């Protein structure tokens, strides 16, 4: 039995999370505003020491000079200087808190839903009834480039009110997930290539337990979370771990390997809102090398550059001797393409 696999990019969260190419809700702009609001306006509370504050100011000034924050993160990663390594840790912490903050209901967030409604429609189709809680259809898999919590929060809406994201990760067989860093390949149904916001591990702990930034969430608690995070950076590693860190990061390396395992058994690949950026090229090439030879690929995006993205997909497949692979595109994005609709495009 082959899988129907969803490969998610930023466009798959565009109804809830700012995007890099939006004029009104630009991701970098909103991120910089977040830093101003919660770091710059709280100096009197000594949320950070002077040295850390200066590094945050540099991050705030350097981010807009790069194409995306991921590009800036890549720059920091490529540098071997001690300062840039610290900056990358701070950047991950700020990103993690920014996304948690943005996905918390706020009075000034009327223009966005907290959870992209398209996940709700998709899950209502691909979840099945069971004795205890809804389960994913056996042949459905997800590979996500997004470090937001949109899929997890959508799954929460279909489960018990007392559940949290940790339980969702466990029940729906995520990588990474609580208490488990290395798992049997067949156990992975949802793989987060870039990790996810709101989680960290204790670097010096042998248990590799994934923990929350803080037990409390919400807009009012953001200062506490930032203060705790910034004061414990030397002993923690945040679960926003970019896939291109796979050579030096065990979590990223495992995530890529589990995603490859899924693609080996994928018959139908639905790519939603992923732009195949240059800094992910080596990982993409490695992933698509493992895509099942007979798989069909449907690219769902309303971007003006869709034809260019399709050419990137074809180049990845041709480079891996899959020249005859079938690829189609749809610019319908009001909802995600459902598994039972897939064949209509071929």
Protein backbone atom coordinates (compact mmCIF):
# COMPACT_ATOMS: atom_id res chain seq x y z
CA UNK A 1 0.00 0.00 0.00
CA UNK A 2 1.39 3.37 -1.02
CA UNK A 3 1.04 6.61 0.91
CA UNK A 4 -0.66 9.86 0.03
CA UNK A 5 1.88 12.31 1.42
CA UNK A 6 1.44 16.02 2.07
CA UNK A 7 4.64 18.08 1.76
CA UNK A 8 3.90 21.39 3.47
CA UNK A 9 5.59 24.75 2.96
CA UNK A 10 4.81 28.21 4.32
CA UNK A 11 1.85 28.62 1.96
CA UNK A 12 0.08 25.83 3.85
CA UNK A 13 -0.19 28.14 6.88
CA UNK A 14 -0.81 31.38 5.01
CA UNK A 15 -4.34 31.87 6.37
CA UNK A 16 -2.97 32.10 9.92
CA UNK A 17 0.77 32.91 9.86
CA UNK A 18 2.38 35.95 8.18
CA UNK A 19 4.28 35.15 5.00
CA UNK A 20 7.48 36.66 3.65
CA UNK A 21 5.86 38.05 0.53
CA UNK A 22 2.79 39.65 2.06
CA UNK A 23 2.83 43.47 2.07
CA UNK A 24 0.34 43.76 4.91
CA UNK A 25 1.47 40.86 7.09
CA UNK A 26 5.11 40.32 6.22
CA UNK A 27 6.80 37.69 8.39
CA UNK A 28 10.07 39.58 8.85
CA UNK A 29 8.28 42.86 9.62
CA UNK A 30 6.03 41.21 12.22
CA UNK A 31 9.02 39.43 13.74
CA UNK A 32 10.92 42.71 14.11
CA UNK A 33 7.85 44.33 15.67
CA UNK A 34 7.72 41.45 18.15
CA UNK A 35 11.33 42.06 19.18
CA UNK A 36 10.66 45.78 19.64
CA UNK A 37 7.56 45.14 21.72
CA UNK A 38 8.84 42.42 24.04
CA UNK A 39 12.57 43.12 24.24
CA UNK A 40 13.01 46.81 23.53
CA UNK A 41 10.10 47.91 25.73
CA UNK A 42 11.08 45.75 28.69
CA UNK A 43 14.64 46.82 29.38
CA UNK A 44 13.54 48.30 32.67
CA UNK A 45 12.50 44.78 33.72
CA UNK A 46 16.00 43.47 33.00
CA UNK A 47 14.59 40.72 30.76
CA UNK A 48 18.10 40.35 29.27
CA UNK A 49 21.62 41.36 30.28
CA UNK A 50 23.42 44.08 28.35
CA UNK A 51 25.53 41.72 26.22
CA UNK A 52 22.53 39.65 25.12
CA UNK A 53 20.55 42.80 24.44
CA UNK A 54 23.27 44.06 22.07
CA UNK A 55 23.16 40.74 20.16
CA UNK A 56 19.37 40.97 19.89
CA UNK A 57 19.71 44.51 18.52
CA UNK A 58 22.13 43.17 15.90
CA UNK A 59 19.68 40.39 15.00
CA UNK A 60 16.88 42.94 14.71
CA UNK A 61 18.98 45.09 12.36
CA UNK A 62 20.44 42.24 10.29
CA UNK A 63 17.24 40.23 9.64
CA UNK A 64 15.68 42.72 7.16
CA UNK A 65 18.88 42.70 5.10
CA UNK A 66 18.25 39.08 4.12
CA UNK A 67 15.69 37.51 1.80
CA UNK A 68 14.03 35.60 4.65
CA UNK A 69 14.82 34.87 8.29
CA UNK A 70 15.73 31.33 7.23
CA UNK A 71 18.35 32.84 4.91
CA UNK A 72 19.71 34.87 7.79
CA UNK A 73 19.77 31.76 9.99
CA UNK A 74 21.73 29.97 7.26
CA UNK A 75 24.28 32.80 7.25
CA UNK A 76 24.76 32.47 11.01
CA UNK A 77 25.05 28.68 10.71
CA UNK A 78 27.75 28.90 8.04
CA UNK A 79 29.91 31.09 10.28
CA UNK A 80 32.22 29.48 12.79
CA UNK A 81 32.47 32.51 15.04
CA UNK A 82 31.35 32.13 18.63
CA UNK A 83 29.18 35.25 18.38
CA UNK A 84 27.20 33.97 15.39
CA UNK A 85 26.66 30.61 17.05
CA UNK A 86 25.14 32.44 20.02
CA UNK A 87 23.08 34.62 17.67
CA UNK A 88 21.65 31.51 16.01
CA UNK A 89 20.54 30.16 19.39
CA UNK A 90 18.95 33.51 20.24
CA UNK A 91 17.27 33.66 16.83
CA UNK A 92 15.71 30.21 17.33
CA UNK A 93 14.46 31.22 20.76
CA UNK A 94 12.94 34.45 19.42
CA UNK A 95 11.33 32.64 16.48
CA UNK A 96 9.90 29.99 18.77
CA UNK A 97 8.33 32.57 21.07
CA UNK A 98 7.16 34.73 18.17
CA UNK A 99 5.23 31.84 16.64
CA UNK A 100 3.69 30.83 19.96
CA UNK A 101 2.69 34.45 20.49
CA UNK A 102 1.23 34.79 17.01
CA UNK A 103 -0.80 31.59 17.37
CA UNK A 104 -2.39 32.78 20.62
CA UNK A 105 -5.76 34.58 20.24
CA UNK A 106 -5.33 38.33 20.59
CA UNK A 107 -7.63 41.30 20.27
CA UNK A 108 -5.42 42.89 17.61
CA UNK A 109 -5.30 39.81 15.38
CA UNK A 110 -8.69 40.03 13.68
CA UNK A 111 -7.25 39.75 10.19
CA UNK A 112 -6.03 36.20 10.79
CA UNK A 113 -7.52 33.03 12.16
CA UNK A 114 -5.39 31.42 14.87
CA UNK A 115 -5.49 28.11 12.97
CA UNK A 116 -5.64 27.98 9.19
CA UNK A 117 -9.17 26.71 8.50
CA UNK A 118 -7.97 24.57 5.59
CA UNK A 119 -6.42 22.08 8.04
CA UNK A 120 -9.84 21.71 9.65
CA UNK A 121 -11.42 20.73 6.33
CA UNK A 122 -8.58 18.33 5.50
CA UNK A 123 -8.61 16.60 8.90
CA UNK A 124 -12.38 16.14 8.80
CA UNK A 125 -11.73 13.98 5.72
CA UNK A 126 -8.57 12.04 6.59
CA UNK A 127 -9.31 11.27 10.25
CA UNK A 128 -11.18 8.08 11.09
CA UNK A 129 -13.30 7.17 14.09
CA UNK A 130 -11.78 4.83 16.67
CA UNK A 131 -12.63 3.68 20.18
CA UNK A 132 -10.69 6.41 21.97
CA UNK A 133 -9.74 9.26 19.64
CA UNK A 134 -9.76 9.99 15.89
CA UNK A 135 -6.85 8.40 14.04
CA UNK A 136 -5.18 9.25 10.73
CA UNK A 137 -6.07 7.07 7.79
CA UNK A 138 -3.44 4.38 7.45
CA UNK A 139 -2.12 5.61 4.11
CA UNK A 140 -1.75 9.31 5.01
CA UNK A 141 1.62 10.91 5.83
CA UNK A 142 2.84 14.48 6.39
CA UNK A 143 6.27 16.01 5.82
CA UNK A 144 6.39 19.64 6.89
CA UNK A 145 8.98 22.35 6.38
CA UNK A 146 6.99 24.60 8.75
CA UNK A 147 8.12 25.17 12.31
CA UNK A 148 4.75 26.65 13.27
CA UNK A 149 2.15 24.61 15.18
CA UNK A 150 -0.74 24.81 12.71
CA UNK A 151 -1.18 21.08 12.05
CA UNK A 152 -0.80 20.26 15.74
CA UNK A 153 -3.35 22.89 16.80
CA UNK A 154 -5.79 21.70 14.14
CA UNK A 155 -5.46 18.13 15.47
CA UNK A 156 -6.12 19.44 18.97
CA UNK A 157 -9.49 20.74 17.75
CA UNK A 158 -10.49 17.16 16.89
CA UNK A 159 -9.51 15.70 20.25
CA UNK A 160 -10.25 16.00 23.96
CA UNK A 161 -10.21 19.49 25.43
CA UNK A 162 -7.63 18.47 28.05
CA UNK A 163 -5.08 17.31 25.47
CA UNK A 164 -1.97 19.35 24.66
CA UNK A 165 0.46 19.42 21.74
CA UNK A 166 2.76 16.90 23.46
CA UNK A 167 -0.04 14.33 23.49
CA UNK A 168 -0.90 15.11 19.85
CA UNK A 169 2.73 14.46 18.88
CA UNK A 170 2.68 11.13 20.68
CA UNK A 171 -0.72 9.90 19.47
CA UNK A 172 -0.18 10.89 15.84
CA UNK A 173 3.38 9.54 15.65
CA UNK A 174 5.42 12.67 15.09
CA UNK A 175 9.11 13.11 14.69
CA UNK A 176 10.42 14.65 16.87
CA UNK A 177 8.24 13.76 19.84
CA UNK A 178 8.40 13.35 23.60
CA UNK A 179 11.01 11.07 25.14
CA UNK A 180 11.97 9.57 21.78
CA UNK A 181 14.79 10.80 19.57
CA UNK A 182 15.31 7.69 17.43
CA UNK A 183 12.40 5.54 16.36
CA UNK A 184 11.54 2.74 13.99
CA UNK A 185 11.05 4.17 10.49
CA UNK A 186 7.61 2.60 10.14
CA UNK A 187 6.36 4.54 13.19
CA UNK A 188 6.67 8.00 11.63
CA UNK A 189 3.48 9.47 10.19
CA UNK A 190 4.27 13.18 10.59
CA UNK A 191 7.80 14.55 10.19
CA UNK A 192 8.73 18.15 10.97
CA UNK A 193 11.89 18.81 8.98
CA UNK A 194 12.60 22.15 10.67
CA UNK A 195 11.38 21.12 14.11
CA UNK A 196 8.61 23.06 15.81
CA UNK A 197 8.05 26.12 17.95
CA UNK A 198 7.68 26.03 21.72
CA UNK A 199 9.93 23.03 22.43
CA UNK A 200 13.50 22.47 23.57
CA UNK A 201 15.82 19.75 24.86
CA UNK A 202 18.38 19.98 27.65
CA UNK A 203 21.73 19.72 25.92
CA UNK A 204 23.62 18.07 28.80
CA UNK A 205 20.87 15.59 29.62
CA UNK A 206 21.36 11.97 28.51
CA UNK A 207 17.61 11.43 28.36
CA UNK A 208 17.02 13.79 25.39
CA UNK A 209 13.57 14.66 26.68
CA UNK A 210 11.65 17.22 24.65
CA UNK A 211 10.26 19.92 26.92
CA UNK A 212 8.00 22.94 26.63
CA UNK A 213 9.37 26.47 26.80
CA UNK A 214 6.99 27.00 29.69
CA UNK A 215 3.93 25.22 31.08
CA UNK A 216 1.91 28.39 30.78
CA UNK A 217 1.04 29.87 27.42
CA UNK A 218 -0.67 33.01 26.33
CA UNK A 219 0.00 36.59 25.43
CA UNK A 220 0.57 37.77 29.02
CA UNK A 221 3.20 35.13 29.74
CA UNK A 222 5.53 35.94 26.84
CA UNK A 223 7.91 37.99 29.01
CA UNK A 224 8.39 35.09 31.44
CA UNK A 225 9.07 32.65 28.59
CA UNK A 226 11.63 34.96 26.99
CA UNK A 227 13.37 35.62 30.29
CA UNK A 228 13.62 31.90 31.10
CA UNK A 229 14.77 31.04 27.60
CA UNK A 230 17.41 33.73 27.35
CA UNK A 231 18.84 32.89 30.78
CA UNK A 232 19.20 29.16 30.02
CA UNK A 233 20.56 29.24 26.46
CA UNK A 234 23.79 27.43 27.35
CA UNK A 235 21.93 24.33 28.55
CA UNK A 236 19.05 24.22 26.06
CA UNK A 237 18.60 23.63 22.35
CA UNK A 238 15.41 24.78 20.71
CA UNK A 239 13.41 22.49 18.48
CA UNK A 240 13.46 24.90 15.60
CA UNK A 241 16.31 23.02 13.97
CA UNK A 242 16.69 23.71 10.28
CA UNK A 243 16.91 20.65 8.03
CA UNK A 244 20.15 21.91 6.48
CA UNK A 245 21.77 21.49 9.92
CA UNK A 246 21.65 17.72 9.42
CA UNK A 247 25.45 17.37 9.31
CA UNK A 248 25.83 18.73 12.83
CA UNK A 249 22.42 18.19 14.41
CA UNK A 250 21.09 14.73 15.28
CA UNK A 251 17.44 15.83 15.35
CA UNK A 252 17.67 17.33 11.86
CA UNK A 253 19.54 14.28 10.54
CA UNK A 254 16.89 11.91 11.88
CA UNK A 255 14.06 14.05 10.51
CA UNK A 256 15.53 13.96 7.00
CA UNK A 257 16.00 10.19 7.18
CA UNK A 258 12.43 9.59 8.34
CA UNK A 259 11.10 11.84 5.58
CA UNK A 260 13.09 9.84 3.02
CA UNK A 261 11.55 6.64 4.38
CA UNK A 262 8.06 8.07 3.86
CA UNK A 263 8.80 9.16 0.29
CA UNK A 264 10.06 5.68 -0.61
CA UNK A 265 6.51 4.44 -0.08
CA UNK A 266 4.64 7.44 -1.51
CA UNK A 267 2.37 6.97 -4.53
CA UNK A 268 0.69 10.39 -4.40
CA UNK A 269 2.59 13.50 -3.35
CA UNK A 270 0.71 16.74 -2.68
CA UNK A 271 3.04 19.74 -2.31
CA UNK A 272 1.35 22.76 -0.74
CA UNK A 273 2.87 26.24 -0.78
CA UNK A 274 6.53 25.21 -0.78
CA UNK A 275 8.89 27.35 -2.89
CA UNK A 276 11.99 25.08 -2.93
CA UNK A 277 14.42 27.78 -1.71
CA UNK A 278 18.05 27.48 -2.67
CA UNK A 279 19.30 26.88 0.88
CA UNK A 280 17.16 23.70 1.02
CA UNK A 281 18.32 22.40 -2.35
CA UNK A 282 20.67 19.68 -1.09
CA UNK A 283 18.03 18.37 1.31
CA UNK A 284 15.33 18.51 -1.40
CA UNK A 285 17.57 16.62 -3.80
CA UNK A 286 18.20 13.96 -1.18
CA UNK A 287 14.49 13.69 -0.37
CA UNK A 288 13.27 13.46 -3.97
CA UNK A 289 15.91 10.86 -4.74
CA UNK A 290 13.82 8.59 -2.54
CA UNK A 291 10.40 9.38 -4.01
CA UNK A 292 8.79 6.22 -5.33
CA UNK A 293 9.45 5.94 -9.08
CA UNK A 294 5.79 5.69 -10.06
CA UNK A 295 4.60 8.48 -7.77
CA UNK A 296 2.46 11.30 -9.13
CA UNK A 297 3.07 14.82 -7.82
CA UNK A 298 0.50 17.59 -7.50
CA UNK A 299 1.78 21.10 -6.73
CA UNK A 300 -0.81 23.35 -5.07
CA UNK A 301 0.03 27.06 -4.98
CA UNK A 302 -1.44 30.31 -6.26
CA UNK A 303 1.97 31.96 -6.50
CA UNK A 304 2.72 33.81 -9.72
CA UNK A 305 5.96 31.83 -9.89
CA UNK A 306 4.28 28.41 -9.89
CA UNK A 307 5.69 27.52 -13.30
CA UNK A 308 9.17 28.21 -11.95
CA UNK A 309 8.56 26.01 -8.90
CA UNK A 310 7.31 23.17 -11.11
CA UNK A 311 10.50 23.43 -13.13
CA UNK A 312 12.44 23.04 -9.88
CA UNK A 313 10.49 19.87 -9.08
CA UNK A 314 11.18 18.49 -12.57
CA UNK A 315 14.87 19.28 -12.18
CA UNK A 316 14.98 17.42 -8.86
CA UNK A 317 13.28 14.40 -10.40
CA UNK A 318 15.36 14.44 -13.59
CA UNK A 319 18.50 14.61 -11.49
CA UNK A 320 17.32 11.41 -9.86
CA UNK A 321 16.49 9.57 -13.11
CA UNK A 322 12.71 10.08 -12.82
CA UNK A 323 12.24 11.94 -16.08
CA UNK A 324 8.84 10.39 -16.77
CA UNK A 325 7.34 11.38 -13.43
CA UNK A 326 3.87 12.90 -13.69
CA UNK A 327 3.55 16.43 -12.27
CA UNK A 328 0.49 18.66 -12.31
CA UNK A 329 -0.31 22.06 -10.82
CA UNK A 330 -3.41 23.73 -9.40
CA UNK A 331 -3.74 27.35 -8.27
CA UNK A 332 -6.90 26.54 -6.31
CA UNK A 333 -5.91 27.20 -2.71
CA UNK A 334 -9.16 27.91 -0.87
CA UNK A 335 -8.81 24.40 0.56
CA UNK A 336 -6.14 21.71 0.43
CA UNK A 337 -6.57 19.02 -2.20
CA UNK A 338 -8.13 15.96 -0.56
CA UNK A 339 -6.88 12.42 -1.23
CA UNK A 340 -10.10 11.47 -3.03
CA UNK A 341 -9.69 14.50 -5.34
CA UNK A 342 -6.08 13.78 -6.29
CA UNK A 343 -6.71 11.66 -9.39
CA UNK A 344 -9.00 14.31 -10.87
CA UNK A 345 -5.90 16.36 -11.72
CA UNK A 346 -4.25 13.60 -13.81
